[in-house]
């Protein structure tokens, strides 16, 4: 167990220093909304620092930062290049360059729900021995959302998200920050949570520290592109096997494997004009239809969205299996 020292307060004040780290990637309009929410917090400017890490090294983001910095001359707003290494690496760049004793993480597509976000998160952390605090994430979606919007809404159920987290700088130093092998925004926050809790105390919740995370409709067939994220389940499993099986996924997605095997068997059988090919095709069709129905239940039923669901319901299982197995090979772990 690692004993963390009490969080000091800034000289001449009764509050600790806070650095807000915001990774961004070509979303200037969303970044501007996020920054305005952060810079209007009920927290003294002399105890607040904002570190934006531009992982796209965009030519336009510096203009956004410069304009907002001029509007808030008493705040320190800094911009760093991320080198296109992913959000985990961008957050490491931000907190390592920051000077605050508490690092508050928020993403560019989220924003504080009110001016008390920092105060509520910090007060919960300071009054505890916890290495970190996770705030509450609210994802507003329409009554009949798209599949992508419904997936984004699942963020509300997560136990620790770096779009709303307050972490002791000393705790980040103790665990070495984020694992930069997580190259996409997936599982890097869960990995950090598990390693922080290995210091000896659990991450706490601060339900009054709220951020809003709007859910866009998502591009057509967006779910196919995101199947690549499945690869990083293998890395999380390699590092935290017991907790992965207890809290993330009890076992392999057998239905995905069954559909993939049946699709392959059907294709092979039909090429050979074997009866078994038609049997495999029929079984695959039943499983795929059930998968499609589960996904569209309670979602938007526009023609475009239903076409999206039909196409992706066919392709998600084999793509997911491919990326899971590729992750197992990449991270050298028996993982299915």
C-alpha atoms as a PDB file:
ATOM      1  CA  UNK A   1       0.000   0.000   0.000  1.00  0.00           C
ATOM      2  CA  UNK A   2       1.255   3.462  -0.924  1.00  0.00           C
ATOM      3  CA  UNK A   3       0.489   6.260   1.539  1.00  0.00           C
ATOM      4  CA  UNK A   4      -0.359   9.508  -0.235  1.00  0.00           C
ATOM      5  CA  UNK A   5       0.494  12.787   1.480  1.00  0.00           C
ATOM      6  CA  UNK A   6      -2.287  15.324   2.161  1.00  0.00           C
ATOM      7  CA  UNK A   7      -2.966  17.644  -0.758  1.00  0.00           C
ATOM      8  CA  UNK A   8      -1.369  21.060  -0.049  1.00  0.00           C
ATOM      9  CA  UNK A   9      -3.135  24.372  -0.611  1.00  0.00           C
ATOM     10  CA  UNK A  10      -1.827  27.154  -2.809  1.00  0.00           C
ATOM     11  CA  UNK A  11       0.191  29.831  -0.953  1.00  0.00           C
ATOM     12  CA  UNK A  12      -2.015  32.599   0.361  1.00  0.00           C
ATOM     13  CA  UNK A  13      -5.240  30.662  -0.304  1.00  0.00           C
ATOM     14  CA  UNK A  14      -7.345  27.959   1.322  1.00  0.00           C
ATOM     15  CA  UNK A  15      -7.604  25.881  -1.844  1.00  0.00           C
ATOM     16  CA  UNK A  16      -5.270  23.452  -3.635  1.00  0.00           C
ATOM     17  CA  UNK A  17      -3.937  24.129  -7.101  1.00  0.00           C
ATOM     18  CA  UNK A  18      -5.864  22.452  -9.914  1.00  0.00           C
ATOM     19  CA  UNK A  19      -4.728  21.777 -13.459  1.00  0.00           C
ATOM     20  CA  UNK A  20      -7.456  20.855 -15.952  1.00  0.00           C
ATOM     21  CA  UNK A  21      -6.136  18.660 -18.773  1.00  0.00           C
ATOM     22  CA  UNK A  22      -8.108  18.573 -22.045  1.00  0.00           C
ATOM     23  CA  UNK A  23      -6.959  16.388 -24.948  1.00  0.00           C
ATOM     24  CA  UNK A  24      -8.389  17.484 -28.289  1.00  0.00           C
ATOM     25  CA  UNK A  25      -8.366  16.338 -31.894  1.00  0.00           C
ATOM     26  CA  UNK A  26      -9.801  18.569 -34.622  1.00  0.00           C
ATOM     27  CA  UNK A  27     -12.934  19.596 -32.749  1.00  0.00           C
ATOM     28  CA  UNK A  28     -12.407  23.317 -32.286  1.00  0.00           C
ATOM     29  CA  UNK A  29     -16.080  24.136 -31.770  1.00  0.00           C
ATOM     30  CA  UNK A  30     -16.458  21.503 -29.062  1.00  0.00           C
ATOM     31  CA  UNK A  31     -13.150  22.500 -27.474  1.00  0.00           C
ATOM     32  CA  UNK A  32     -14.304  26.113 -27.276  1.00  0.00           C
ATOM     33  CA  UNK A  33     -17.511  25.079 -25.506  1.00  0.00           C
ATOM     34  CA  UNK A  34     -15.536  22.957 -23.059  1.00  0.00           C
ATOM     35  CA  UNK A  35     -13.015  25.707 -22.332  1.00  0.00           C
ATOM     36  CA  UNK A  36     -15.698  28.284 -21.646  1.00  0.00           C
ATOM     37  CA  UNK A  37     -17.276  25.930 -19.137  1.00  0.00           C
ATOM     38  CA  UNK A  38     -13.954  25.312 -17.404  1.00  0.00           C
ATOM     39  CA  UNK A  39     -12.916  28.969 -17.282  1.00  0.00           C
ATOM     40  CA  UNK A  40     -16.183  30.082 -15.677  1.00  0.00           C
ATOM     41  CA  UNK A  41     -15.821  27.720 -12.729  1.00  0.00           C
ATOM     42  CA  UNK A  42     -16.198  28.874  -9.141  1.00  0.00           C
ATOM     43  CA  UNK A  43     -12.492  28.471  -8.521  1.00  0.00           C
ATOM     44  CA  UNK A  44      -9.868  31.221  -8.090  1.00  0.00           C
ATOM     45  CA  UNK A  45      -7.871  31.919 -11.250  1.00  0.00           C
ATOM     46  CA  UNK A  46      -4.606  31.950  -9.311  1.00  0.00           C
ATOM     47  CA  UNK A  47      -5.208  28.337  -8.277  1.00  0.00           C
ATOM     48  CA  UNK A  48      -6.352  27.123 -11.700  1.00  0.00           C
ATOM     49  CA  UNK A  49      -4.401  26.124 -14.765  1.00  0.00           C
ATOM     50  CA  UNK A  50      -5.785  24.772 -18.055  1.00  0.00           C
ATOM     51  CA  UNK A  51      -3.619  22.530 -20.242  1.00  0.00           C
ATOM     52  CA  UNK A  52      -4.942  21.710 -23.716  1.00  0.00           C
ATOM     53  CA  UNK A  53      -3.112  18.979 -25.613  1.00  0.00           C
ATOM     54  CA  UNK A  54      -3.742  19.059 -29.359  1.00  0.00           C
ATOM     55  CA  UNK A  55      -3.168  15.503 -30.520  1.00  0.00           C
ATOM     56  CA  UNK A  56      -3.844  16.513 -34.141  1.00  0.00           C
ATOM     57  CA  UNK A  57      -1.268  19.334 -34.085  1.00  0.00           C
ATOM     58  CA  UNK A  58      -3.957  21.371 -35.841  1.00  0.00           C
ATOM     59  CA  UNK A  59      -3.260  24.723 -37.476  1.00  0.00           C
ATOM     60  CA  UNK A  60      -6.558  26.182 -36.198  1.00  0.00           C
ATOM     61  CA  UNK A  61      -6.585  25.102 -32.546  1.00  0.00           C
ATOM     62  CA  UNK A  62      -3.942  27.688 -31.491  1.00  0.00           C
ATOM     63  CA  UNK A  63      -6.291  30.417 -32.727  1.00  0.00           C
ATOM     64  CA  UNK A  64      -9.077  29.083 -30.492  1.00  0.00           C
ATOM     65  CA  UNK A  65      -6.761  28.961 -27.483  1.00  0.00           C
ATOM     66  CA  UNK A  66      -5.398  32.434 -28.170  1.00  0.00           C
ATOM     67  CA  UNK A  67      -8.838  33.993 -28.512  1.00  0.00           C
ATOM     68  CA  UNK A  68     -10.176  32.424 -25.322  1.00  0.00           C
ATOM     69  CA  UNK A  69      -6.996  33.241 -23.391  1.00  0.00           C
ATOM     70  CA  UNK A  70      -7.461  36.904 -24.291  1.00  0.00           C
ATOM     71  CA  UNK A  71     -11.024  36.761 -22.969  1.00  0.00           C
ATOM     72  CA  UNK A  72      -9.759  35.365 -19.652  1.00  0.00           C
ATOM     73  CA  UNK A  73      -6.522  37.272 -18.992  1.00  0.00           C
ATOM     74  CA  UNK A  74      -6.316  36.222 -15.345  1.00  0.00           C
ATOM     75  CA  UNK A  75      -6.291  32.500 -16.171  1.00  0.00           C
ATOM     76  CA  UNK A  76      -3.378  30.427 -17.361  1.00  0.00           C
ATOM     77  CA  UNK A  77      -4.377  28.599 -20.546  1.00  0.00           C
ATOM     78  CA  UNK A  78      -1.592  26.562 -22.153  1.00  0.00           C
ATOM     79  CA  UNK A  79      -1.436  24.586 -25.388  1.00  0.00           C
ATOM     80  CA  UNK A  80       0.795  21.579 -26.030  1.00  0.00           C
ATOM     81  CA  UNK A  81       1.313  19.389 -29.080  1.00  0.00           C
ATOM     82  CA  UNK A  82       0.300  15.760 -28.747  1.00  0.00           C
ATOM     83  CA  UNK A  83       2.184  14.213 -31.648  1.00  0.00           C
ATOM     84  CA  UNK A  84      -0.808  12.134 -32.808  1.00  0.00           C
ATOM     85  CA  UNK A  85      -0.089   9.366 -30.304  1.00  0.00           C
ATOM     86  CA  UNK A  86      -3.613   8.910 -28.973  1.00  0.00           C
ATOM     87  CA  UNK A  87      -5.598  10.231 -25.996  1.00  0.00           C
ATOM     88  CA  UNK A  88      -3.662   8.329 -23.325  1.00  0.00           C
ATOM     89  CA  UNK A  89      -0.373   9.834 -24.483  1.00  0.00           C
ATOM     90  CA  UNK A  90      -2.014  13.263 -24.832  1.00  0.00           C
ATOM     91  CA  UNK A  91      -3.217  13.157 -21.234  1.00  0.00           C
ATOM     92  CA  UNK A  92       0.254  12.165 -20.082  1.00  0.00           C
ATOM     93  CA  UNK A  93       1.688  15.155 -21.923  1.00  0.00           C
ATOM     94  CA  UNK A  94      -0.860  17.383 -20.210  1.00  0.00           C
ATOM     95  CA  UNK A  95      -0.526  16.262 -16.611  1.00  0.00           C
ATOM     96  CA  UNK A  96       3.258  15.978 -16.782  1.00  0.00           C
ATOM     97  CA  UNK A  97       3.494  19.584 -17.989  1.00  0.00           C
ATOM     98  CA  UNK A  98       0.916  20.787 -15.464  1.00  0.00           C
ATOM     99  CA  UNK A  99       1.822  22.285 -12.093  1.00  0.00           C
ATOM    100  CA  UNK A 100      -1.356  21.567 -10.085  1.00  0.00           C
ATOM    101  CA  UNK A 101      -1.449  19.178  -7.143  1.00  0.00           C
ATOM    102  CA  UNK A 102      -4.816  17.941  -8.442  1.00  0.00           C
ATOM    103  CA  UNK A 103      -5.251  17.037 -12.088  1.00  0.00           C
ATOM    104  CA  UNK A 104      -8.798  17.316 -13.404  1.00  0.00           C
ATOM    105  CA  UNK A 105      -9.459  15.487 -16.657  1.00  0.00           C
ATOM    106  CA  UNK A 106     -12.228  16.388 -19.080  1.00  0.00           C
ATOM    107  CA  UNK A 107     -12.617  15.685 -22.813  1.00  0.00           C
ATOM    108  CA  UNK A 108     -13.155  18.259 -25.529  1.00  0.00           C
ATOM    109  CA  UNK A 109     -16.620  16.876 -26.384  1.00  0.00           C
ATOM    110  CA  UNK A 110     -17.853  17.262 -22.798  1.00  0.00           C
ATOM    111  CA  UNK A 111     -18.391  20.344 -20.650  1.00  0.00           C
ATOM    112  CA  UNK A 112     -19.140  21.131 -16.985  1.00  0.00           C
ATOM    113  CA  UNK A 113     -22.840  21.107 -16.147  1.00  0.00           C
ATOM    114  CA  UNK A 114     -22.441  24.123 -13.869  1.00  0.00           C
ATOM    115  CA  UNK A 115     -19.860  26.356 -12.209  1.00  0.00           C
ATOM    116  CA  UNK A 116     -19.435  23.971  -9.255  1.00  0.00           C
ATOM    117  CA  UNK A 117     -17.787  21.123 -11.182  1.00  0.00           C
ATOM    118  CA  UNK A 118     -14.247  21.718  -9.933  1.00  0.00           C
ATOM    119  CA  UNK A 119     -15.323  22.618  -6.405  1.00  0.00           C
ATOM    120  CA  UNK A 120     -17.408  19.459  -5.962  1.00  0.00           C
ATOM    121  CA  UNK A 121     -14.750  17.140  -7.373  1.00  0.00           C
ATOM    122  CA  UNK A 122     -11.900  18.669  -5.402  1.00  0.00           C
ATOM    123  CA  UNK A 123     -13.798  18.770  -2.104  1.00  0.00           C
ATOM    124  CA  UNK A 124     -14.557  15.055  -2.346  1.00  0.00           C
ATOM    125  CA  UNK A 125     -10.931  14.239  -3.127  1.00  0.00           C
ATOM    126  CA  UNK A 126      -9.379  16.481  -0.468  1.00  0.00           C
ATOM    127  CA  UNK A 127     -11.626  15.073   2.238  1.00  0.00           C
ATOM    128  CA  UNK A 128     -10.458  11.507   1.603  1.00  0.00           C
ATOM    129  CA  UNK A 129      -7.470   9.228   1.260  1.00  0.00           C
ATOM    130  CA  UNK A 130      -8.563   8.182  -2.236  1.00  0.00           C
ATOM    131  CA  UNK A 131      -6.133   8.516  -5.135  1.00  0.00           C
ATOM    132  CA  UNK A 132      -8.869   9.836  -7.412  1.00  0.00           C
ATOM    133  CA  UNK A 133     -12.503  10.829  -7.721  1.00  0.00           C
ATOM    134  CA  UNK A 134     -14.858  10.087 -10.595  1.00  0.00           C
ATOM    135  CA  UNK A 135     -17.598  12.599 -11.305  1.00  0.00           C
ATOM    136  CA  UNK A 136     -21.005  11.968 -12.856  1.00  0.00           C
ATOM    137  CA  UNK A 137     -21.453  11.973 -16.637  1.00  0.00           C
ATOM    138  CA  UNK A 138     -24.840  12.908 -18.104  1.00  0.00           C
ATOM    139  CA  UNK A 139     -25.518  11.910 -21.715  1.00  0.00           C
ATOM    140  CA  UNK A 140     -28.751  13.434 -23.057  1.00  0.00           C
ATOM    141  CA  UNK A 141     -30.241  11.463 -25.953  1.00  0.00           C
ATOM    142  CA  UNK A 142     -33.589  11.605 -27.800  1.00  0.00           C
ATOM    143  CA  UNK A 143     -36.450   9.262 -26.954  1.00  0.00           C
ATOM    144  CA  UNK A 144     -35.647   7.201 -30.054  1.00  0.00           C
ATOM    145  CA  UNK A 145     -31.849   7.413 -30.320  1.00  0.00           C
ATOM    146  CA  UNK A 146     -29.537   6.015 -32.950  1.00  0.00           C
ATOM    147  CA  UNK A 147     -27.498   2.958 -32.039  1.00  0.00           C
ATOM    148  CA  UNK A 148     -24.436   5.173 -31.689  1.00  0.00           C
ATOM    149  CA  UNK A 149     -26.223   7.568 -29.325  1.00  0.00           C
ATOM    150  CA  UNK A 150     -27.392   4.672 -27.175  1.00  0.00           C
ATOM    151  CA  UNK A 151     -23.848   3.332 -26.997  1.00  0.00           C
ATOM    152  CA  UNK A 152     -22.524   6.736 -25.934  1.00  0.00           C
ATOM    153  CA  UNK A 153     -25.186   6.868 -23.222  1.00  0.00           C
ATOM    154  CA  UNK A 154     -23.600   3.784 -21.626  1.00  0.00           C
ATOM    155  CA  UNK A 155     -20.919   6.178 -20.377  1.00  0.00           C
ATOM    156  CA  UNK A 156     -23.375   7.103 -17.634  1.00  0.00           C
ATOM    157  CA  UNK A 157     -22.930   3.643 -16.118  1.00  0.00           C
ATOM    158  CA  UNK A 158     -19.118   3.614 -16.059  1.00  0.00           C
ATOM    159  CA  UNK A 159     -17.344   3.747 -12.700  1.00  0.00           C
ATOM    160  CA  UNK A 160     -14.383   5.880 -13.789  1.00  0.00           C
ATOM    161  CA  UNK A 161     -14.100   8.035 -16.893  1.00  0.00           C
ATOM    162  CA  UNK A 162     -11.384  10.468 -17.795  1.00  0.00           C
ATOM    163  CA  UNK A 163     -13.942  12.834 -19.287  1.00  0.00           C
ATOM    164  CA  UNK A 164     -14.726  13.637 -15.641  1.00  0.00           C
ATOM    165  CA  UNK A 165     -12.042  12.681 -13.151  1.00  0.00           C
ATOM    166  CA  UNK A 166      -9.960  14.326 -10.433  1.00  0.00           C
ATOM    167  CA  UNK A 167      -6.646  12.637  -9.626  1.00  0.00           C
ATOM    168  CA  UNK A 168      -3.914  13.427  -7.141  1.00  0.00           C
ATOM    169  CA  UNK A 169      -0.759  14.337  -8.997  1.00  0.00           C
ATOM    170  CA  UNK A 170       1.197  12.196  -6.540  1.00  0.00           C
ATOM    171  CA  UNK A 171      -0.978   9.198  -7.428  1.00  0.00           C
ATOM    172  CA  UNK A 172      -0.375   9.701 -11.151  1.00  0.00           C
ATOM    173  CA  UNK A 173       3.350   9.866 -10.489  1.00  0.00           C
ATOM    174  CA  UNK A 174       3.169   6.706  -8.370  1.00  0.00           C
ATOM    175  CA  UNK A 175       1.557   4.632 -11.151  1.00  0.00           C
ATOM    176  CA  UNK A 176       3.314   6.286 -14.074  1.00  0.00           C
ATOM    177  CA  UNK A 177       0.212   7.903 -15.578  1.00  0.00           C
ATOM    178  CA  UNK A 178      -1.655   6.400 -18.503  1.00  0.00           C
ATOM    179  CA  UNK A 179      -0.482   3.341 -20.406  1.00  0.00           C
ATOM    180  CA  UNK A 180       0.177   4.764 -23.857  1.00  0.00           C
ATOM    181  CA  UNK A 181      -0.305   1.388 -25.520  1.00  0.00           C
ATOM    182  CA  UNK A 182      -4.024   2.198 -25.362  1.00  0.00           C
ATOM    183  CA  UNK A 183      -3.983   4.107 -28.637  1.00  0.00           C
ATOM    184  CA  UNK A 184      -7.733   4.791 -28.858  1.00  0.00           C
ATOM    185  CA  UNK A 185     -10.231   6.267 -26.355  1.00  0.00           C
ATOM    186  CA  UNK A 186     -11.132   2.873 -24.918  1.00  0.00           C
ATOM    187  CA  UNK A 187     -10.114   1.076 -21.706  1.00  0.00           C
ATOM    188  CA  UNK A 188      -7.262   3.477 -20.914  1.00  0.00           C
ATOM    189  CA  UNK A 189      -9.318   5.017 -18.120  1.00  0.00           C
ATOM    190  CA  UNK A 190     -10.310   1.626 -16.691  1.00  0.00           C
ATOM    191  CA  UNK A 191      -6.661   0.570 -16.678  1.00  0.00           C
ATOM    192  CA  UNK A 192      -5.724   3.760 -14.838  1.00  0.00           C
ATOM    193  CA  UNK A 193      -8.485   3.190 -12.285  1.00  0.00           C
ATOM    194  CA  UNK A 194      -7.316  -0.349 -11.551  1.00  0.00           C
ATOM    195  CA  UNK A 195      -3.704   0.737 -11.124  1.00  0.00           C
ATOM    196  CA  UNK A 196      -4.667   3.680  -8.922  1.00  0.00           C
ATOM    197  CA  UNK A 197      -6.691   1.377  -6.688  1.00  0.00           C
ATOM    198  CA  UNK A 198      -3.689  -0.927  -6.356  1.00  0.00           C
ATOM    199  CA  UNK A 199      -2.120   1.889  -4.334  1.00  0.00           C
ATOM    200  CA  UNK A 200      -4.462   0.886  -1.520  1.00  0.00           C
ATOM    201  CA  UNK A 201      -7.671   2.935  -1.646  1.00  0.00           C
ATOM    202  CA  UNK A 202     -10.659   2.838  -3.987  1.00  0.00           C
ATOM    203  CA  UNK A 203     -11.575   5.601  -6.407  1.00  0.00           C
ATOM    204  CA  UNK A 204     -14.507   7.592  -4.990  1.00  0.00           C
ATOM    205  CA  UNK A 205     -17.622   8.983  -6.638  1.00  0.00           C
ATOM    206  CA  UNK A 206     -18.573  12.658  -6.636  1.00  0.00           C
ATOM    207  CA  UNK A 207     -22.100  12.707  -8.036  1.00  0.00           C
ATOM    208  CA  UNK A 208     -22.358  16.476  -7.692  1.00  0.00           C
ATOM    209  CA  UNK A 209     -19.350  17.004  -9.989  1.00  0.00           C
ATOM    210  CA  UNK A 210     -21.281  16.735 -13.244  1.00  0.00           C
ATOM    211  CA  UNK A 211     -20.254  17.031 -16.871  1.00  0.00           C
ATOM    212  CA  UNK A 212     -22.549  16.893 -19.888  1.00  0.00           C
ATOM    213  CA  UNK A 213     -21.428  14.620 -22.704  1.00  0.00           C
ATOM    214  CA  UNK A 214     -23.707  15.140 -25.733  1.00  0.00           C
ATOM    215  CA  UNK A 215     -24.120  12.155 -28.034  1.00  0.00           C
ATOM    216  CA  UNK A 216     -24.018  12.913 -31.772  1.00  0.00           C
ATOM    217  CA  UNK A 217     -25.996  10.766 -34.178  1.00  0.00           C
ATOM    218  CA  UNK A 218     -22.854   9.105 -35.469  1.00  0.00           C
ATOM    219  CA  UNK A 219     -21.800   8.559 -39.058  1.00  0.00           C
ATOM    220  CA  UNK A 220     -23.273   5.803 -41.196  1.00  0.00           C
ATOM    221  CA  UNK A 221     -21.742   2.436 -40.194  1.00  0.00           C
ATOM    222  CA  UNK A 222     -19.717   4.166 -37.447  1.00  0.00           C
ATOM    223  CA  UNK A 223     -19.943   0.992 -35.356  1.00  0.00           C
ATOM    224  CA  UNK A 224     -17.755  -0.853 -37.877  1.00  0.00           C
ATOM    225  CA  UNK A 225     -14.869   1.558 -37.447  1.00  0.00           C
ATOM    226  CA  UNK A 226     -15.098   1.253 -33.692  1.00  0.00           C
ATOM    227  CA  UNK A 227     -14.707  -2.521 -33.734  1.00  0.00           C
ATOM    228  CA  UNK A 228     -10.965  -1.839 -33.753  1.00  0.00           C
ATOM    229  CA  UNK A 229     -11.362  -0.804 -30.129  1.00  0.00           C
ATOM    230  CA  UNK A 230     -11.975  -4.483 -29.283  1.00  0.00           C
ATOM    231  CA  UNK A 231      -8.259  -5.075 -29.742  1.00  0.00           C
ATOM    232  CA  UNK A 232      -7.531  -3.196 -26.521  1.00  0.00           C
ATOM    233  CA  UNK A 233      -9.728  -5.491 -24.464  1.00  0.00           C
ATOM    234  CA  UNK A 234      -6.859  -7.945 -24.831  1.00  0.00           C
ATOM    235  CA  UNK A 235      -4.413  -5.480 -23.294  1.00  0.00           C
ATOM    236  CA  UNK A 236      -6.704  -4.750 -20.364  1.00  0.00           C
ATOM    237  CA  UNK A 237      -7.238  -8.490 -19.871  1.00  0.00           C
ATOM    238  CA  UNK A 238      -3.499  -9.133 -19.890  1.00  0.00           C
ATOM    239  CA  UNK A 239      -2.932  -6.528 -17.182  1.00  0.00           C
ATOM    240  CA  UNK A 240      -5.986  -7.181 -14.976  1.00  0.00           C
ATOM    241  CA  UNK A 241      -7.348 -10.642 -15.737  1.00  0.00           C
ATOM    242  CA  UNK A 242      -9.469 -11.193 -12.639  1.00  0.00           C
ATOM    243  CA  UNK A 243     -11.112  -7.770 -12.665  1.00  0.00           C
ATOM    244  CA  UNK A 244     -11.667  -7.930 -16.412  1.00  0.00           C
ATOM    245  CA  UNK A 245     -13.664 -11.149 -16.077  1.00  0.00           C
ATOM    246  CA  UNK A 246     -15.507  -9.948 -12.981  1.00  0.00           C
ATOM    247  CA  UNK A 247     -16.372  -6.433 -14.129  1.00  0.00           C
ATOM    248  CA  UNK A 248     -15.979  -6.141 -17.913  1.00  0.00           C
ATOM    249  CA  UNK A 249     -16.720  -9.409 -19.668  1.00  0.00           C
ATOM    250  CA  UNK A 250     -17.311 -12.768 -17.991  1.00  0.00           C
ATOM    251  CA  UNK A 251     -16.327 -14.720 -21.101  1.00  0.00           C
ATOM    252  CA  UNK A 252     -15.832 -14.535 -24.857  1.00  0.00           C
ATOM    253  CA  UNK A 253     -18.723 -13.294 -27.051  1.00  0.00           C
ATOM    254  CA  UNK A 254     -19.713 -16.791 -28.127  1.00  0.00           C
ATOM    255  CA  UNK A 255     -22.531 -15.544 -30.355  1.00  0.00           C
ATOM    256  CA  UNK A 256     -20.018 -13.526 -32.411  1.00  0.00           C
ATOM    257  CA  UNK A 257     -17.804 -16.568 -32.818  1.00  0.00           C
ATOM    258  CA  UNK A 258     -20.773 -18.757 -33.741  1.00  0.00           C
ATOM    259  CA  UNK A 259     -21.992 -16.299 -36.381  1.00  0.00           C
ATOM    260  CA  UNK A 260     -18.501 -15.931 -37.820  1.00  0.00           C
ATOM    261  CA  UNK A 261     -17.950 -19.694 -38.028  1.00  0.00           C
ATOM    262  CA  UNK A 262     -21.403 -20.269 -39.533  1.00  0.00           C
ATOM    263  CA  UNK A 263     -20.869 -17.560 -42.147  1.00  0.00           C
ATOM    264  CA  UNK A 264     -17.581 -19.146 -43.149  1.00  0.00           C
ATOM    265  CA  UNK A 265     -19.107 -22.628 -43.223  1.00  0.00           C
ATOM    266  CA  UNK A 266     -22.037 -21.385 -45.293  1.00  0.00           C
ATOM    267  CA  UNK A 267     -19.756 -19.715 -47.830  1.00  0.00           C
ATOM    268  CA  UNK A 268     -17.565 -22.816 -48.125  1.00  0.00           C
ATOM    269  CA  UNK A 269     -20.542 -25.157 -48.321  1.00  0.00           C
ATOM    270  CA  UNK A 270     -22.327 -23.130 -50.985  1.00  0.00           C
ATOM    271  CA  UNK A 271     -19.171 -22.944 -53.088  1.00  0.00           C
ATOM    272  CA  UNK A 272     -19.014 -26.732 -52.934  1.00  0.00           C
ATOM    273  CA  UNK A 273     -22.779 -26.981 -53.470  1.00  0.00           C
ATOM    274  CA  UNK A 274     -23.110 -29.002 -50.288  1.00  0.00           C
ATOM    275  CA  UNK A 275     -26.362 -29.238 -48.335  1.00  0.00           C
ATOM    276  CA  UNK A 276     -24.462 -28.395 -45.162  1.00  0.00           C
ATOM    277  CA  UNK A 277     -23.833 -24.936 -46.615  1.00  0.00           C
ATOM    278  CA  UNK A 278     -27.552 -24.181 -46.702  1.00  0.00           C
ATOM    279  CA  UNK A 279     -27.963 -25.452 -43.150  1.00  0.00           C
ATOM    280  CA  UNK A 280     -25.126 -23.206 -41.960  1.00  0.00           C
ATOM    281  CA  UNK A 281     -26.623 -20.272 -43.844  1.00  0.00           C
ATOM    282  CA  UNK A 282     -30.025 -20.805 -42.232  1.00  0.00           C
ATOM    283  CA  UNK A 283     -28.534 -20.969 -38.737  1.00  0.00           C
ATOM    284  CA  UNK A 284     -26.452 -17.860 -39.405  1.00  0.00           C
ATOM    285  CA  UNK A 285     -29.534 -16.009 -40.669  1.00  0.00           C
ATOM    286  CA  UNK A 286     -31.454 -16.836 -37.469  1.00  0.00           C
ATOM    287  CA  UNK A 287     -28.625 -15.563 -35.245  1.00  0.00           C
ATOM    288  CA  UNK A 288     -28.080 -12.456 -37.355  1.00  0.00           C
ATOM    289  CA  UNK A 289     -31.798 -11.624 -37.382  1.00  0.00           C
ATOM    290  CA  UNK A 290     -31.929 -11.948 -33.592  1.00  0.00           C
ATOM    291  CA  UNK A 291     -28.859  -9.697 -33.294  1.00  0.00           C
ATOM    292  CA  UNK A 292     -30.462  -7.103 -35.600  1.00  0.00           C
ATOM    293  CA  UNK A 293     -33.730  -7.118 -33.645  1.00  0.00           C
ATOM    294  CA  UNK A 294     -31.912  -6.638 -30.313  1.00  0.00           C
ATOM    295  CA  UNK A 295     -29.991  -3.693 -31.699  1.00  0.00           C
ATOM    296  CA  UNK A 296     -32.923  -1.842 -33.266  1.00  0.00           C
ATOM    297  CA  UNK A 297     -35.285  -2.291 -30.329  1.00  0.00           C
ATOM    298  CA  UNK A 298     -35.937   1.129 -28.805  1.00  0.00           C
ATOM    299  CA  UNK A 299     -33.917   3.025 -31.426  1.00  0.00           C
ATOM    300  CA  UNK A 300     -34.743   5.328 -34.325  1.00  0.00           C
ATOM    301  CA  UNK A 301     -36.541   3.534 -37.157  1.00  0.00           C
ATOM    302  CA  UNK A 302     -35.678   5.792 -40.088  1.00  0.00           C
ATOM    303  CA  UNK A 303     -34.812   4.039 -43.340  1.00  0.00           C
ATOM    304  CA  UNK A 304     -31.194   5.166 -43.170  1.00  0.00           C
ATOM    305  CA  UNK A 305     -30.740   3.981 -39.601  1.00  0.00           C
ATOM    306  CA  UNK A 306     -32.378   0.604 -40.271  1.00  0.00           C
ATOM    307  CA  UNK A 307     -30.098   0.142 -43.285  1.00  0.00           C
ATOM    308  CA  UNK A 308     -27.150   0.969 -41.050  1.00  0.00           C
ATOM    309  CA  UNK A 309     -28.287  -1.609 -38.500  1.00  0.00           C
ATOM    310  CA  UNK A 310     -28.846  -4.279 -41.150  1.00  0.00           C
ATOM    311  CA  UNK A 311     -25.422  -3.831 -42.712  1.00  0.00           C
ATOM    312  CA  UNK A 312     -23.491  -3.573 -39.464  1.00  0.00           C
ATOM    313  CA  UNK A 313     -25.320  -6.499 -37.856  1.00  0.00           C
ATOM    314  CA  UNK A 314     -23.842  -8.671 -40.606  1.00  0.00           C
ATOM    315  CA  UNK A 315     -20.315  -7.275 -40.334  1.00  0.00           C
ATOM    316  CA  UNK A 316     -19.818  -6.551 -36.625  1.00  0.00           C
ATOM    317  CA  UNK A 317     -19.378 -10.193 -35.471  1.00  0.00           C
ATOM    318  CA  UNK A 318     -16.504 -11.117 -37.841  1.00  0.00           C
ATOM    319  CA  UNK A 319     -14.857  -7.710 -37.412  1.00  0.00           C
ATOM    320  CA  UNK A 320     -15.054  -7.955 -33.626  1.00  0.00           C
ATOM    321  CA  UNK A 321     -13.600 -11.462 -33.677  1.00  0.00           C
ATOM    322  CA  UNK A 322     -10.796 -10.311 -35.986  1.00  0.00           C
ATOM    323  CA  UNK A 323      -9.806  -7.399 -33.753  1.00  0.00           C
ATOM    324  CA  UNK A 324     -10.038  -9.451 -30.562  1.00  0.00           C
ATOM    325  CA  UNK A 325      -7.735 -12.103 -32.001  1.00  0.00           C
ATOM    326  CA  UNK A 326      -5.413  -9.475 -33.407  1.00  0.00           C
ATOM    327  CA  UNK A 327      -5.238  -7.916 -29.951  1.00  0.00           C
ATOM    328  CA  UNK A 328      -4.407 -11.304 -28.451  1.00  0.00           C
ATOM    329  CA  UNK A 329      -1.535 -11.655 -30.908  1.00  0.00           C
ATOM    330  CA  UNK A 330      -0.336  -8.059 -30.507  1.00  0.00           C
ATOM    331  CA  UNK A 331      -0.289  -8.158 -26.716  1.00  0.00           C
ATOM    332  CA  UNK A 332       0.753 -11.810 -26.488  1.00  0.00           C
ATOM    333  CA  UNK A 333      -2.068 -13.061 -24.327  1.00  0.00           C
ATOM    334  CA  UNK A 334      -4.498 -15.953 -24.669  1.00  0.00           C
ATOM    335  CA  UNK A 335      -7.649 -13.967 -25.155  1.00  0.00           C
ATOM    336  CA  UNK A 336     -10.779 -14.711 -27.117  1.00  0.00           C
END
